[in-house]
Amino acid sequence: MSEPLIIVTGGAGFIGSNLVRHLNERGHRHILVVDDLTDGHKFANLAGLHISDYLDKDEFLARLQCNADFGRIQAVFHQGACSTTTEWNGRYMMEVNFEYSKQLLLWCQQHALPLVYASSAAVYGGSEQFIEQFEHEKPLNVYGYSKYLFDQYVRRVLPHARAAIVGLRYFNVYGPNEQHKAGMASVAYHLNKQLKTGDVCKLFEGSHGYSDGGQTRDFIHVDDVCKVNLFFFDNPARHGIFNCGTGRAQPFNDVAKAVLAWHGRGKLEYIPFPPGLKDAYQAHTEANTKALRAAGYTQPFLDVASGVKQYLDVMNR
């Protein structure tokens, strides 16, 4: 019998392309990548990977709506989304992140297909606790709201689900294949770029009671994100919404020190916040990983020093 198909939406993007790589490393080749290559630079993320087919996201959605036959399918990884947190076109955001996701979810349930999808820590927004519970979910932008709303929809479907549904709330993900994200790329990416063209890397000055560069985030390497996705792929009896972070907040200064150490040169400077950003800035995130661990995920997570070194070894070779 031929290998069943695995569908990866957003497969040419940052997390999606790394997930395809991890699937390839497991021997999977029969992979349908769904994406929007309006930004043709993203093709580079798929070059060298094994996939069996590619579909534009609009064509894929049209096929879902007419219930096209894709053959035997093992699972769907839904990584496709507009992840630009500064995008305020709410109509576009809800169409891409909510309606598209909802239609894919219903199609997966109709065909009893496991779905692992990308949620976001942006659903917590103004919260001081990062626990997968409604009372802690306070999105601050329309991107976070689009993810929040889909999570609420999933919660209504879960009690009657015909197949596993897993939402993963990604925290601050960094790693290879994020170059197309431009301003939305990780701080490690930008600091490395600054040192490749000069001798100074820059962080924001202190805020919210934190010292210069002392604001903390839960930084997670994309390889760890992929491992969490594949854990639920391997364990389709698990379902629910889970934080996908290390559970360990580290200051931005730690990222800068790791980048400076890799280059063996340079200095760190602190700059003022742009007008209007400081008040809306999220100064601390830290995933509560109790639910993820209770689901059976036992793998350790890379810390910033190890993860950034691993990233730059790939990025700068």
C-alpha atoms as a PDB file:
ATOM      1  CA  MET A   1       0.000   0.000   0.000  1.00  0.00           C
ATOM      2  CA  SER A   2       1.322   3.484  -0.890  1.00  0.00           C
ATOM      3  CA  GLU A   3       2.368   5.933   1.792  1.00  0.00           C
ATOM      4  CA  PRO A   4      -0.544   8.065   3.062  1.00  0.00           C
ATOM      5  CA  LEU A   5      -0.490  11.780   2.365  1.00  0.00           C
ATOM      6  CA  ILE A   6       0.499  14.394   4.955  1.00  0.00           C
ATOM      7  CA  ILE A   7      -0.776  17.931   4.348  1.00  0.00           C
ATOM      8  CA  VAL A   8       1.229  20.907   5.628  1.00  0.00           C
ATOM      9  CA  THR A   9      -0.393  24.302   5.142  1.00  0.00           C
ATOM     10  CA  GLY A  10       2.015  27.217   5.299  1.00  0.00           C
ATOM     11  CA  GLY A  11       4.594  24.636   4.259  1.00  0.00           C
ATOM     12  CA  ALA A  12       6.847  27.157   2.535  1.00  0.00           C
ATOM     13  CA  GLY A  13       6.895  29.385   5.601  1.00  0.00           C
ATOM     14  CA  PHE A  14       9.128  29.435   8.648  1.00  0.00           C
ATOM     15  CA  ILE A  15       7.681  26.730  10.878  1.00  0.00           C
ATOM     16  CA  GLY A  16       5.986  24.828   8.057  1.00  0.00           C
ATOM     17  CA  SER A  17       9.170  24.296   6.043  1.00  0.00           C
ATOM     18  CA  ASN A  18      11.059  23.142   9.132  1.00  0.00           C
ATOM     19  CA  LEU A  19       8.235  20.718   9.831  1.00  0.00           C
ATOM     20  CA  VAL A  20       8.539  19.342   6.285  1.00  0.00           C
ATOM     21  CA  ARG A  21      12.267  18.872   6.934  1.00  0.00           C
ATOM     22  CA  HIS A  22      11.576  16.957  10.138  1.00  0.00           C
ATOM     23  CA  LEU A  23       9.037  14.776   8.317  1.00  0.00           C
ATOM     24  CA  ASN A  24      11.604  14.094   5.595  1.00  0.00           C
ATOM     25  CA  GLU A  25      14.125  13.075   8.244  1.00  0.00           C
ATOM     26  CA  ARG A  26      11.586  10.499   9.416  1.00  0.00           C
ATOM     27  CA  GLY A  27      11.304   9.148   5.889  1.00  0.00           C
ATOM     28  CA  HIS A  28       8.064  10.873   4.863  1.00  0.00           C
ATOM     29  CA  ARG A  29       8.052  12.033   1.231  1.00  0.00           C
ATOM     30  CA  HIS A  30       4.357  12.025   0.313  1.00  0.00           C
ATOM     31  CA  ILE A  31       3.684  15.575   1.518  1.00  0.00           C
ATOM     32  CA  LEU A  32       1.324  18.147   0.052  1.00  0.00           C
ATOM     33  CA  VAL A  33       2.537  21.673   0.768  1.00  0.00           C
ATOM     34  CA  VAL A  34      -0.106  24.411   0.730  1.00  0.00           C
ATOM     35  CA  ASP A  35       1.001  28.033   0.740  1.00  0.00           C
ATOM     36  CA  ASP A  36       0.819  31.436  -0.920  1.00  0.00           C
ATOM     37  CA  LEU A  37       3.962  32.167  -2.923  1.00  0.00           C
ATOM     38  CA  THR A  38       3.058  35.727  -3.800  1.00  0.00           C
ATOM     39  CA  ASP A  39       6.377  36.396  -2.062  1.00  0.00           C
ATOM     40  CA  GLY A  40       8.380  34.110  -4.309  1.00  0.00           C
ATOM     41  CA  HIS A  41      11.442  34.342  -2.075  1.00  0.00           C
ATOM     42  CA  LYS A  42       9.852  31.702   0.167  1.00  0.00           C
ATOM     43  CA  PHE A  43      10.590  29.007  -2.422  1.00  0.00           C
ATOM     44  CA  ALA A  44      14.097  28.826  -0.937  1.00  0.00           C
ATOM     45  CA  ASN A  45      12.653  27.285   2.242  1.00  0.00           C
ATOM     46  CA  LEU A  46      11.457  24.262   0.224  1.00  0.00           C
ATOM     47  CA  ALA A  47      14.503  23.847  -1.995  1.00  0.00           C
ATOM     48  CA  GLY A  48      16.238  20.597  -1.087  1.00  0.00           C
ATOM     49  CA  LEU A  49      13.171  19.130   0.632  1.00  0.00           C
ATOM     50  CA  HIS A  50      11.061  16.212  -0.606  1.00  0.00           C
ATOM     51  CA  ILE A  51       7.397  16.957  -1.283  1.00  0.00           C
ATOM     52  CA  SER A  52       4.967  15.238  -3.620  1.00  0.00           C
ATOM     53  CA  ASP A  53       2.813  18.238  -4.563  1.00  0.00           C
ATOM     54  CA  TYR A  54       2.182  21.933  -4.009  1.00  0.00           C
ATOM     55  CA  LEU A  55      -1.107  23.867  -4.021  1.00  0.00           C
ATOM     56  CA  ASP A  56      -1.858  27.544  -3.666  1.00  0.00           C
ATOM     57  CA  LYS A  57      -3.927  28.109  -0.525  1.00  0.00           C
ATOM     58  CA  ASP A  58      -6.899  29.502  -2.469  1.00  0.00           C
ATOM     59  CA  GLU A  59      -6.935  26.474  -4.780  1.00  0.00           C
ATOM     60  CA  PHE A  60      -6.670  24.193  -1.746  1.00  0.00           C
ATOM     61  CA  LEU A  61      -9.610  25.907  -0.077  1.00  0.00           C
ATOM     62  CA  ALA A  62     -11.656  25.635  -3.280  1.00  0.00           C
ATOM     63  CA  ARG A  63     -10.965  21.900  -3.384  1.00  0.00           C
ATOM     64  CA  LEU A  64     -12.020  21.526   0.254  1.00  0.00           C
ATOM     65  CA  GLN A  65     -15.267  23.302  -0.508  1.00  0.00           C
ATOM     66  CA  CYS A  66     -16.084  20.908  -3.365  1.00  0.00           C
ATOM     67  CA  ASN A  67     -14.935  17.929  -1.244  1.00  0.00           C
ATOM     68  CA  ALA A  68     -12.192  16.899  -3.677  1.00  0.00           C
ATOM     69  CA  ASP A  69     -10.559  13.506  -3.179  1.00  0.00           C
ATOM     70  CA  PHE A  70      -6.944  13.792  -2.008  1.00  0.00           C
ATOM     71  CA  GLY A  71      -6.593  10.056  -1.498  1.00  0.00           C
ATOM     72  CA  ARG A  72      -5.589   8.456   1.780  1.00  0.00           C
ATOM     73  CA  ILE A  73      -4.485  11.109   4.296  1.00  0.00           C
ATOM     74  CA  GLN A  74      -2.641  10.502   7.553  1.00  0.00           C
ATOM     75  CA  ALA A  75      -2.757  13.955   9.140  1.00  0.00           C
ATOM     76  CA  VAL A  76      -2.983  17.694   8.529  1.00  0.00           C
ATOM     77  CA  PHE A  77      -0.564  20.232   9.997  1.00  0.00           C
ATOM     78  CA  HIS A  78      -2.113  23.682   9.678  1.00  0.00           C
ATOM     79  CA  GLN A  79       0.709  26.227   9.915  1.00  0.00           C
ATOM     80  CA  GLY A  80      -0.639  28.694   7.360  1.00  0.00           C
ATOM     81  CA  ALA A  81      -1.653  32.110   8.698  1.00  0.00           C
ATOM     82  CA  CYS A  82      -1.043  35.820   8.533  1.00  0.00           C
ATOM     83  CA  SER A  83       1.384  36.173  11.436  1.00  0.00           C
ATOM     84  CA  THR A  84       2.067  39.914  11.094  1.00  0.00           C
ATOM     85  CA  THR A  85       1.146  41.278  14.503  1.00  0.00           C
ATOM     86  CA  THR A  86       1.152  44.860  13.153  1.00  0.00           C
ATOM     87  CA  GLU A  87      -1.483  44.064  10.498  1.00  0.00           C
ATOM     88  CA  TRP A  88      -4.706  45.898  11.375  1.00  0.00           C
ATOM     89  CA  ASN A  89      -6.846  44.901   8.388  1.00  0.00           C
ATOM     90  CA  GLY A  90      -9.263  42.928  10.514  1.00  0.00           C
ATOM     91  CA  ARG A  91     -11.335  41.701   7.596  1.00  0.00           C
ATOM     92  CA  TYR A  92      -8.263  40.171   5.948  1.00  0.00           C
ATOM     93  CA  MET A  93      -6.974  38.742   9.227  1.00  0.00           C
ATOM     94  CA  MET A  94     -10.279  37.067  10.062  1.00  0.00           C
ATOM     95  CA  GLU A  95     -10.617  35.643   6.547  1.00  0.00           C
ATOM     96  CA  VAL A  96      -7.111  34.134   6.523  1.00  0.00           C
ATOM     97  CA  ASN A  97      -6.722  33.112  10.169  1.00  0.00           C
ATOM     98  CA  PHE A  98     -10.251  32.332  11.271  1.00  0.00           C
ATOM     99  CA  GLU A  99     -12.544  31.448   8.386  1.00  0.00           C
ATOM    100  CA  TYR A 100      -9.923  29.438   6.470  1.00  0.00           C
ATOM    101  CA  SER A 101      -8.968  27.559   9.650  1.00  0.00           C
ATOM    102  CA  LYS A 102     -12.608  26.891  10.478  1.00  0.00           C
ATOM    103  CA  GLN A 103     -13.306  25.406   7.044  1.00  0.00           C
ATOM    104  CA  LEU A 104     -10.207  23.229   7.254  1.00  0.00           C
ATOM    105  CA  LEU A 105     -11.203  22.018  10.731  1.00  0.00           C
ATOM    106  CA  LEU A 106     -14.702  21.071   9.584  1.00  0.00           C
ATOM    107  CA  TRP A 107     -13.301  19.246   6.543  1.00  0.00           C
ATOM    108  CA  CYS A 108     -10.876  17.307   8.775  1.00  0.00           C
ATOM    109  CA  GLN A 109     -13.706  16.353  11.118  1.00  0.00           C
ATOM    110  CA  GLN A 110     -15.903  15.289   8.198  1.00  0.00           C
ATOM    111  CA  HIS A 111     -13.153  12.905   7.061  1.00  0.00           C
ATOM    112  CA  ALA A 112     -11.978  11.944  10.593  1.00  0.00           C
ATOM    113  CA  LEU A 113      -8.483  13.380  10.007  1.00  0.00           C
ATOM    114  CA  PRO A 114      -6.178  14.462  12.861  1.00  0.00           C
ATOM    115  CA  LEU A 115      -5.442  18.191  12.776  1.00  0.00           C
ATOM    116  CA  VAL A 116      -2.521  19.907  14.505  1.00  0.00           C
ATOM    117  CA  TYR A 117      -2.746  23.674  14.068  1.00  0.00           C
ATOM    118  CA  ALA A 118      -0.754  26.761  14.964  1.00  0.00           C
ATOM    119  CA  SER A 119      -2.248  28.979  17.608  1.00  0.00           C
ATOM    120  CA  SER A 120      -0.213  31.721  19.282  1.00  0.00           C
ATOM    121  CA  ALA A 121       0.836  33.098  22.644  1.00  0.00           C
ATOM    122  CA  ALA A 122      -0.582  36.379  21.310  1.00  0.00           C
ATOM    123  CA  VAL A 123      -3.948  35.174  22.666  1.00  0.00           C
ATOM    124  CA  TYR A 124      -2.624  36.041  26.150  1.00  0.00           C
ATOM    125  CA  GLY A 125      -1.759  39.642  25.200  1.00  0.00           C
ATOM    126  CA  GLY A 126      -2.391  41.674  28.326  1.00  0.00           C
ATOM    127  CA  SER A 127      -2.397  38.726  30.710  1.00  0.00           C
ATOM    128  CA  GLU A 128       0.245  38.156  33.348  1.00  0.00           C
ATOM    129  CA  GLN A 129      -0.338  34.392  33.397  1.00  0.00           C
ATOM    130  CA  PHE A 130       0.112  32.143  30.384  1.00  0.00           C
ATOM    131  CA  ILE A 131      -2.210  29.252  31.137  1.00  0.00           C
ATOM    132  CA  GLU A 132      -4.574  27.638  28.615  1.00  0.00           C
ATOM    133  CA  GLN A 133      -7.703  28.970  30.289  1.00  0.00           C
ATOM    134  CA  PHE A 134     -10.256  31.499  29.096  1.00  0.00           C
ATOM    135  CA  GLU A 135      -9.740  33.922  31.988  1.00  0.00           C
ATOM    136  CA  HIS A 136      -6.077  34.413  31.004  1.00  0.00           C
ATOM    137  CA  GLU A 137      -6.753  35.084  27.308  1.00  0.00           C
ATOM    138  CA  LYS A 138      -6.639  38.837  26.607  1.00  0.00           C
ATOM    139  CA  PRO A 139      -5.461  39.544  23.030  1.00  0.00           C
ATOM    140  CA  LEU A 140      -4.139  43.049  22.343  1.00  0.00           C
ATOM    141  CA  ASN A 141      -4.261  43.062  18.527  1.00  0.00           C
ATOM    142  CA  VAL A 142      -6.432  41.643  15.771  1.00  0.00           C
ATOM    143  CA  TYR A 143      -3.857  38.936  15.011  1.00  0.00           C
ATOM    144  CA  GLY A 144      -4.107  37.674  18.585  1.00  0.00           C
ATOM    145  CA  TYR A 145      -7.892  37.968  18.439  1.00  0.00           C
ATOM    146  CA  SER A 146      -8.082  35.866  15.246  1.00  0.00           C
ATOM    147  CA  LYS A 147      -6.148  33.083  16.967  1.00  0.00           C
ATOM    148  CA  TYR A 148      -8.152  33.491  20.172  1.00  0.00           C
ATOM    149  CA  LEU A 149     -11.450  33.229  18.320  1.00  0.00           C
ATOM    150  CA  PHE A 150     -10.437  30.069  16.481  1.00  0.00           C
ATOM    151  CA  ASP A 151      -9.304  28.492  19.761  1.00  0.00           C
ATOM    152  CA  GLN A 152     -12.761  29.215  21.187  1.00  0.00           C
ATOM    153  CA  TYR A 153     -14.355  27.590  18.143  1.00  0.00           C
ATOM    154  CA  VAL A 154     -12.134  24.524  18.604  1.00  0.00           C
ATOM    155  CA  ARG A 155     -13.186  24.256  22.247  1.00  0.00           C
ATOM    156  CA  ARG A 156     -16.802  24.012  21.150  1.00  0.00           C
ATOM    157  CA  VAL A 157     -15.986  21.271  18.622  1.00  0.00           C
ATOM    158  CA  LEU A 158     -13.679  19.193  20.835  1.00  0.00           C
ATOM    159  CA  PRO A 159     -16.331  17.417  22.958  1.00  0.00           C
ATOM    160  CA  HIS A 160     -17.864  15.932  19.786  1.00  0.00           C
ATOM    161  CA  ALA A 161     -14.681  15.524  17.694  1.00  0.00           C
ATOM    162  CA  ARG A 162     -14.347  12.515  15.383  1.00  0.00           C
ATOM    163  CA  ALA A 163     -10.557  12.865  15.210  1.00  0.00           C
ATOM    164  CA  ALA A 164      -7.814  14.555  17.212  1.00  0.00           C
ATOM    165  CA  ILE A 165      -7.621  18.349  17.234  1.00  0.00           C
ATOM    166  CA  VAL A 166      -4.504  19.911  18.750  1.00  0.00           C
ATOM    167  CA  GLY A 167      -3.806  23.645  18.962  1.00  0.00           C
ATOM    168  CA  LEU A 168      -0.264  24.740  19.801  1.00  0.00           C
ATOM    169  CA  ARG A 169       0.246  28.225  21.188  1.00  0.00           C
ATOM    170  CA  TYR A 170       3.661  29.192  19.874  1.00  0.00           C
ATOM    171  CA  PHE A 171       5.733  31.566  21.984  1.00  0.00           C
ATOM    172  CA  ASN A 172       8.805  33.395  20.578  1.00  0.00           C
ATOM    173  CA  VAL A 173      10.016  31.017  17.891  1.00  0.00           C
ATOM    174  CA  TYR A 174      13.430  31.471  16.239  1.00  0.00           C
ATOM    175  CA  GLY A 175      15.524  29.416  13.863  1.00  0.00           C
ATOM    176  CA  PRO A 176      16.327  28.759  10.184  1.00  0.00           C
ATOM    177  CA  ASN A 177      14.008  29.793   7.326  1.00  0.00           C
ATOM    178  CA  GLU A 178      12.578  32.936   8.913  1.00  0.00           C
ATOM    179  CA  GLN A 179      14.377  35.448   6.661  1.00  0.00           C
ATOM    180  CA  HIS A 180      11.245  36.179   4.586  1.00  0.00           C
ATOM    181  CA  LYS A 181       9.429  37.407   7.712  1.00  0.00           C
ATOM    182  CA  ALA A 182      11.376  40.703   7.586  1.00  0.00           C
ATOM    183  CA  GLY A 183      10.305  42.825  10.580  1.00  0.00           C
ATOM    184  CA  MET A 184       8.473  39.855  12.119  1.00  0.00           C
ATOM    185  CA  ALA A 185      11.648  37.727  12.192  1.00  0.00           C
ATOM    186  CA  SER A 186      13.167  36.908  15.583  1.00  0.00           C
ATOM    187  CA  VAL A 187      15.495  39.161  17.541  1.00  0.00           C
ATOM    188  CA  ALA A 188      18.277  36.582  17.010  1.00  0.00           C
ATOM    189  CA  TYR A 189      17.867  36.976  13.245  1.00  0.00           C
ATOM    190  CA  HIS A 190      18.040  40.773  13.418  1.00  0.00           C
ATOM    191  CA  LEU A 191      20.993  40.913  15.820  1.00  0.00           C
ATOM    192  CA  ASN A 192      22.947  38.504  13.648  1.00  0.00           C
ATOM    193  CA  LYS A 193      22.157  40.620  10.571  1.00  0.00           C
ATOM    194  CA  GLN A 194      23.361  43.759  12.367  1.00  0.00           C
ATOM    195  CA  LEU A 195      26.681  42.142  13.249  1.00  0.00           C
ATOM    196  CA  LYS A 196      27.181  40.863   9.710  1.00  0.00           C
ATOM    197  CA  THR A 197      27.094  44.438   8.437  1.00  0.00           C
ATOM    198  CA  GLY A 198      28.623  46.286  11.385  1.00  0.00           C
ATOM    199  CA  ASP A 199      29.984  46.024  14.911  1.00  0.00           C
ATOM    200  CA  VAL A 200      26.922  46.945  16.943  1.00  0.00           C
ATOM    201  CA  CYS A 201      23.768  45.043  17.824  1.00  0.00           C
ATOM    202  CA  LYS A 202      20.869  46.955  19.321  1.00  0.00           C
ATOM    203  CA  LEU A 203      18.139  46.218  21.841  1.00  0.00           C
ATOM    204  CA  PHE A 204      15.454  48.417  23.329  1.00  0.00           C
ATOM    205  CA  GLU A 205      16.165  50.279  26.527  1.00  0.00           C
ATOM    206  CA  GLY A 206      14.472  49.253  29.761  1.00  0.00           C
ATOM    207  CA  SER A 207      10.724  49.411  30.306  1.00  0.00           C
ATOM    208  CA  HIS A 208       7.947  48.111  32.569  1.00  0.00           C
ATOM    209  CA  GLY A 209      10.370  47.947  35.488  1.00  0.00           C
ATOM    210  CA  TYR A 210      12.981  45.980  33.508  1.00  0.00           C
ATOM    211  CA  SER A 211      16.547  47.189  32.963  1.00  0.00           C
ATOM    212  CA  ASP A 212      17.970  47.836  29.495  1.00  0.00           C
ATOM    213  CA  GLY A 213      17.502  44.676  27.438  1.00  0.00           C
ATOM    214  CA  GLY A 214      16.139  42.962  30.535  1.00  0.00           C
ATOM    215  CA  GLN A 215      12.604  42.350  29.272  1.00  0.00           C
ATOM    216  CA  THR A 216      12.008  38.604  29.182  1.00  0.00           C
ATOM    217  CA  ARG A 217      10.414  36.273  26.664  1.00  0.00           C
ATOM    218  CA  ASP A 218       9.971  32.543  26.270  1.00  0.00           C
ATOM    219  CA  PHE A 219      12.290  31.931  23.305  1.00  0.00           C
ATOM    220  CA  ILE A 220      11.826  28.524  21.658  1.00  0.00           C
ATOM    221  CA  HIS A 221      13.897  27.049  18.815  1.00  0.00           C
ATOM    222  CA  VAL A 222      11.908  25.972  15.775  1.00  0.00           C
ATOM    223  CA  ASP A 223      13.275  22.416  16.052  1.00  0.00           C
ATOM    224  CA  ASP A 224      11.633  22.122  19.473  1.00  0.00           C
ATOM    225  CA  VAL A 225       8.378  23.425  17.988  1.00  0.00           C
ATOM    226  CA  CYS A 226       8.559  20.734  15.297  1.00  0.00           C
ATOM    227  CA  LYS A 227       9.211  18.039  17.898  1.00  0.00           C
ATOM    228  CA  VAL A 228       6.072  19.071  19.792  1.00  0.00           C
ATOM    229  CA  ASN A 229       4.046  18.936  16.560  1.00  0.00           C
ATOM    230  CA  LEU A 230       5.373  15.459  15.812  1.00  0.00           C
ATOM    231  CA  PHE A 231       4.639  14.252  19.341  1.00  0.00           C
ATOM    232  CA  PHE A 232       0.942  14.847  18.710  1.00  0.00           C
ATOM    233  CA  PHE A 233       1.282  13.304  15.241  1.00  0.00           C
ATOM    234  CA  ASP A 234       2.611  10.175  16.973  1.00  0.00           C
ATOM    235  CA  ASN A 235      -0.070  10.290  19.677  1.00  0.00           C
ATOM    236  CA  PRO A 236      -3.394  10.996  17.944  1.00  0.00           C
ATOM    237  CA  ALA A 237      -5.364  10.089  21.060  1.00  0.00           C
ATOM    238  CA  ARG A 238      -4.171  13.361  22.655  1.00  0.00           C
ATOM    239  CA  HIS A 239      -6.225  16.459  21.955  1.00  0.00           C
ATOM    240  CA  GLY A 240      -6.706  19.992  23.208  1.00  0.00           C
ATOM    241  CA  ILE A 241      -4.942  23.359  23.229  1.00  0.00           C
ATOM    242  CA  PHE A 242      -1.403  23.488  24.593  1.00  0.00           C
ATOM    243  CA  ASN A 243       1.297  26.077  25.135  1.00  0.00           C
ATOM    244  CA  CYS A 244       4.345  25.508  22.956  1.00  0.00           C
ATOM    245  CA  GLY A 245       7.179  27.234  24.780  1.00  0.00           C
ATOM    246  CA  THR A 246      10.102  26.219  26.928  1.00  0.00           C
ATOM    247  CA  GLY A 247       8.497  27.278  30.205  1.00  0.00           C
ATOM    248  CA  ARG A 248      11.605  29.380  30.867  1.00  0.00           C
ATOM    249  CA  ALA A 249      11.646  33.157  30.304  1.00  0.00           C
ATOM    250  CA  GLN A 250      15.038  34.654  29.424  1.00  0.00           C
ATOM    251  CA  PRO A 251      16.029  38.296  28.883  1.00  0.00           C
ATOM    252  CA  PHE A 252      16.732  39.735  25.452  1.00  0.00           C
ATOM    253  CA  ASN A 253      20.250  40.358  26.756  1.00  0.00           C
ATOM    254  CA  ASP A 254      20.796  36.576  26.732  1.00  0.00           C
ATOM    255  CA  VAL A 255      20.005  36.468  23.019  1.00  0.00           C
ATOM    256  CA  ALA A 256      22.402  39.337  22.342  1.00  0.00           C
ATOM    257  CA  LYS A 257      25.165  37.701  24.376  1.00  0.00           C
ATOM    258  CA  ALA A 258      24.730  34.452  22.432  1.00  0.00           C
ATOM    259  CA  VAL A 259      24.941  36.287  19.090  1.00  0.00           C
ATOM    260  CA  LEU A 260      27.984  38.298  20.211  1.00  0.00           C
ATOM    261  CA  ALA A 261      29.661  35.115  21.474  1.00  0.00           C
ATOM    262  CA  TRP A 262      29.089  33.345  18.150  1.00  0.00           C
ATOM    263  CA  HIS A 263      30.663  36.204  16.185  1.00  0.00           C
ATOM    264  CA  GLY A 264      33.409  36.742  18.747  1.00  0.00           C
ATOM    265  CA  ARG A 265      33.191  40.507  18.325  1.00  0.00           C
ATOM    266  CA  GLY A 266      30.897  43.496  18.493  1.00  0.00           C
ATOM    267  CA  LYS A 267      29.181  45.479  21.185  1.00  0.00           C
ATOM    268  CA  LEU A 268      25.656  45.923  22.485  1.00  0.00           C
ATOM    269  CA  GLU A 269      23.792  49.226  22.506  1.00  0.00           C
ATOM    270  CA  TYR A 270      20.350  50.159  23.803  1.00  0.00           C
ATOM    271  CA  ILE A 271      17.961  52.372  21.866  1.00  0.00           C
ATOM    272  CA  PRO A 272      14.711  54.178  22.775  1.00  0.00           C
ATOM    273  CA  PHE A 273      11.370  52.669  21.813  1.00  0.00           C
ATOM    274  CA  PRO A 274       9.703  54.104  18.706  1.00  0.00           C
ATOM    275  CA  PRO A 275       6.753  56.410  19.470  1.00  0.00           C
ATOM    276  CA  GLY A 276       3.668  54.500  20.548  1.00  0.00           C
ATOM    277  CA  LEU A 277       5.326  51.100  20.949  1.00  0.00           C
ATOM    278  CA  LYS A 278       6.417  51.252  24.570  1.00  0.00           C
ATOM    279  CA  ASP A 279       2.910  51.280  26.054  1.00  0.00           C
ATOM    280  CA  ALA A 280       1.788  48.324  23.914  1.00  0.00           C
ATOM    281  CA  TYR A 281       4.990  46.331  24.427  1.00  0.00           C
ATOM    282  CA  GLN A 282       4.757  42.874  25.981  1.00  0.00           C
ATOM    283  CA  ALA A 283       7.674  42.855  28.423  1.00  0.00           C
ATOM    284  CA  HIS A 284       7.340  39.283  29.683  1.00  0.00           C
ATOM    285  CA  THR A 285       6.108  35.930  28.399  1.00  0.00           C
ATOM    286  CA  GLU A 286       6.616  32.477  29.894  1.00  0.00           C
ATOM    287  CA  ALA A 287       4.667  29.406  28.822  1.00  0.00           C
ATOM    288  CA  ASN A 288       3.021  27.364  31.522  1.00  0.00           C
ATOM    289  CA  THR A 289       3.903  23.871  30.268  1.00  0.00           C
ATOM    290  CA  LYS A 290       1.950  21.800  32.801  1.00  0.00           C
ATOM    291  CA  ALA A 291      -0.718  20.750  30.293  1.00  0.00           C
ATOM    292  CA  LEU A 292       1.880  19.829  27.662  1.00  0.00           C
ATOM    293  CA  ARG A 293       3.854  17.744  30.147  1.00  0.00           C
ATOM    294  CA  ALA A 294       0.668  16.135  31.459  1.00  0.00           C
ATOM    295  CA  ALA A 295      -0.121  15.087  27.878  1.00  0.00           C
ATOM    296  CA  GLY A 296       3.105  13.083  27.926  1.00  0.00           C
ATOM    297  CA  TYR A 297       5.653  15.346  26.229  1.00  0.00           C
ATOM    298  CA  THR A 298       8.944  14.747  28.062  1.00  0.00           C
ATOM    299  CA  GLN A 299      11.633  16.157  25.735  1.00  0.00           C
ATOM    300  CA  PRO A 300      13.877  18.945  27.095  1.00  0.00           C
ATOM    301  CA  PHE A 301      13.944  22.329  25.358  1.00  0.00           C
ATOM    302  CA  LEU A 302      17.025  24.173  24.120  1.00  0.00           C
ATOM    303  CA  ASP A 303      18.005  27.208  26.173  1.00  0.00           C
ATOM    304  CA  VAL A 304      18.879  30.468  24.422  1.00  0.00           C
ATOM    305  CA  ALA A 305      22.660  29.973  24.440  1.00  0.00           C
ATOM    306  CA  SER A 306      22.448  26.504  22.871  1.00  0.00           C
ATOM    307  CA  GLY A 307      19.571  27.313  20.532  1.00  0.00           C
ATOM    308  CA  VAL A 308      21.034  30.534  19.161  1.00  0.00           C
ATOM    309  CA  LYS A 309      24.399  28.862  18.551  1.00  0.00           C
ATOM    310  CA  GLN A 310      22.669  26.027  16.697  1.00  0.00           C
ATOM    311  CA  TYR A 311      20.712  28.566  14.649  1.00  0.00           C
ATOM    312  CA  LEU A 312      23.704  30.692  13.706  1.00  0.00           C
ATOM    313  CA  ASP A 313      25.767  27.611  12.818  1.00  0.00           C
ATOM    314  CA  VAL A 314      23.153  26.953  10.121  1.00  0.00           C
ATOM    315  CA  MET A 315      22.420  30.555   9.176  1.00  0.00           C
ATOM    316  CA  ASN A 316      26.023  31.670   8.705  1.00  0.00           C
ATOM    317  CA  ARG A 317      27.559  28.633   7.083  1.00  0.00           C
END
